[in-house]
Amino acid sequence: MSTRSLPVLFFSLGGEMLYILDQRLKAQKIPPDRALKVILDIVGRMLEDKCIKEIFRAQQVFSKRALKNIFEQLAQSSIMKLNKTAMDKLYDLMIMAVKYQVCENLLRLSQYAKVF
């Protein structure tokens, strides 16, 4: 795999994590101000200078376990705390959503290529 693919993977999974958490916070009727704090805490951690520099450094994609650890740390960086089962479910949903998007886009590209 490319040494430049980690940022795409990180931000795709991170975006999915934020979307899923936002939906769960709404479903659990968490007050909007607390829900916003959770999302902003996670986004703030994702965009910290140290994190950005590490993600954009040319390197091989992290192992599955290392990548999951990163997202566990991100999720736990907010006032919201997830137990192991909840984090496992969240990560599985993130992976599934990113895989779906990749497959969907490959399908669109293949259909587009047939036009030419």
Protein backbone atom coordinates (compact mmCIF):
# COMPACT_ATOMS: atom_id res chain seq x y z
CA MET A 1 0.00 0.00 0.00
CA SER A 2 1.12 3.54 -0.66
CA THR A 3 3.10 5.43 1.95
CA ARG A 4 0.75 8.36 1.36
CA SER A 5 -2.60 6.66 1.99
CA LEU A 6 -2.71 7.03 5.78
CA PRO A 7 -4.24 10.55 5.75
CA VAL A 8 -7.13 9.40 3.53
CA LEU A 9 -7.78 6.41 5.77
CA PHE A 10 -7.46 8.45 8.97
CA PHE A 11 -9.84 11.20 7.89
CA SER A 12 -12.32 8.78 6.28
CA LEU A 13 -12.52 6.71 9.45
CA GLY A 14 -12.51 9.85 11.60
CA GLY A 15 -15.37 11.38 9.63
CA GLU A 16 -17.37 8.20 9.98
CA MET A 17 -16.68 8.10 13.70
CA LEU A 18 -17.95 11.65 14.10
CA TYR A 19 -21.08 10.93 12.04
CA ILE A 20 -21.88 7.75 14.00
CA LEU A 21 -21.28 9.41 17.37
CA ASP A 22 -23.40 12.40 16.39
CA GLN A 23 -26.27 10.08 15.44
CA ARG A 24 -25.94 8.10 18.69
CA LEU A 25 -25.82 11.27 20.81
CA LYS A 26 -29.01 12.50 19.13
CA ALA A 27 -30.72 9.11 19.52
CA GLN A 28 -29.87 9.07 23.23
CA LYS A 29 -31.26 12.62 23.56
CA ILE A 30 -28.01 14.02 24.94
CA PRO A 31 -28.37 17.79 25.41
CA PRO A 32 -27.07 19.62 22.32
CA ASP A 33 -24.42 21.55 24.26
CA ARG A 34 -22.92 18.32 25.68
CA ALA A 35 -23.14 16.57 22.31
CA LEU A 36 -21.36 19.48 20.65
CA LYS A 37 -18.63 19.35 23.28
CA VAL A 38 -18.05 15.65 22.56
CA ILE A 39 -17.75 16.26 18.82
CA LEU A 40 -15.55 19.34 19.21
CA ASP A 41 -13.24 17.55 21.66
CA ILE A 42 -12.69 14.74 19.17
CA VAL A 43 -12.25 17.06 16.18
CA GLY A 44 -9.82 19.15 18.22
CA ARG A 45 -7.71 16.08 18.98
CA MET A 46 -7.81 14.93 15.35
CA LEU A 47 -6.57 18.32 14.18
CA GLU A 48 -3.85 18.86 16.78
CA ASP A 49 -0.57 19.84 15.16
CA LYS A 50 1.26 16.79 16.54
CA CYS A 51 -1.41 14.43 15.20
CA ILE A 52 -1.53 16.07 11.76
CA LYS A 53 2.26 15.93 11.40
CA GLU A 54 2.31 12.23 12.30
CA ILE A 55 -0.56 11.34 9.97
CA PHE A 56 0.91 13.21 7.00
CA ARG A 57 4.42 11.83 7.47
CA ALA A 58 5.27 9.43 4.63
CA GLN A 59 4.89 5.98 6.20
CA GLN A 60 3.16 2.66 5.79
CA VAL A 61 -0.43 2.41 6.93
CA PHE A 62 -0.66 1.43 10.59
CA SER A 63 -1.67 -2.10 11.53
CA LYS A 64 -5.37 -2.74 12.19
CA ARG A 65 -4.70 -2.85 15.93
CA ALA A 66 -2.68 0.38 15.93
CA LEU A 67 -5.34 2.17 13.90
CA LYS A 68 -8.05 0.98 16.26
CA ASN A 69 -5.99 2.20 19.24
CA ILE A 70 -5.77 5.66 17.69
CA PHE A 71 -9.53 5.87 17.34
CA GLU A 72 -10.09 4.49 20.84
CA GLN A 73 -7.88 7.27 22.18
CA LEU A 74 -9.73 9.86 20.09
CA ALA A 75 -13.13 8.64 21.29
CA GLN A 76 -11.96 8.64 24.91
CA SER A 77 -10.54 12.17 24.61
CA SER A 78 -13.98 13.69 25.13
CA ILE A 79 -16.27 13.83 28.14
CA MET A 80 -18.01 10.77 26.69
CA LYS A 81 -16.59 7.42 27.71
CA LEU A 82 -17.16 4.19 25.79
CA ASN A 83 -16.80 0.71 27.19
CA LYS A 84 -14.95 -1.96 25.19
CA THR A 85 -18.10 -3.39 23.61
CA ALA A 86 -19.37 0.04 22.53
CA MET A 87 -15.95 0.95 21.11
CA ASP A 88 -15.74 -2.35 19.22
CA LYS A 89 -19.18 -1.74 17.70
CA LEU A 90 -18.27 1.85 16.81
CA TYR A 91 -15.04 0.78 15.12
CA ASP A 92 -16.79 -2.02 13.20
CA LEU A 93 -19.37 0.48 11.93
CA MET A 94 -16.61 2.90 10.92
CA ILE A 95 -14.77 0.21 8.96
CA MET A 96 -17.97 -1.03 7.34
CA ALA A 97 -18.97 2.49 6.25
CA VAL A 98 -15.56 3.25 4.74
CA LYS A 99 -15.53 -0.09 2.90
CA TYR A 100 -19.00 0.65 1.55
CA GLN A 101 -17.91 4.08 0.33
CA VAL A 102 -14.82 2.66 -1.38
CA CYS A 103 -16.88 -0.05 -3.12
CA GLU A 104 -19.56 2.44 -4.11
CA ASN A 105 -17.00 4.79 -5.62
CA LEU A 106 -15.22 1.97 -7.45
CA LEU A 107 -18.57 0.92 -8.92
CA ARG A 108 -19.25 4.47 -10.07
CA LEU A 109 -15.79 4.72 -11.59
CA SER A 110 -16.22 1.44 -13.45
CA GLN A 111 -19.58 2.60 -14.83
CA TYR A 112 -18.05 5.91 -15.83
CA ALA A 113 -15.18 4.12 -17.58
CA LYS A 114 -17.69 2.10 -19.66
CA VAL A 115 -19.08 5.33 -21.10
CA PHE A 116 -15.74 6.07 -22.73
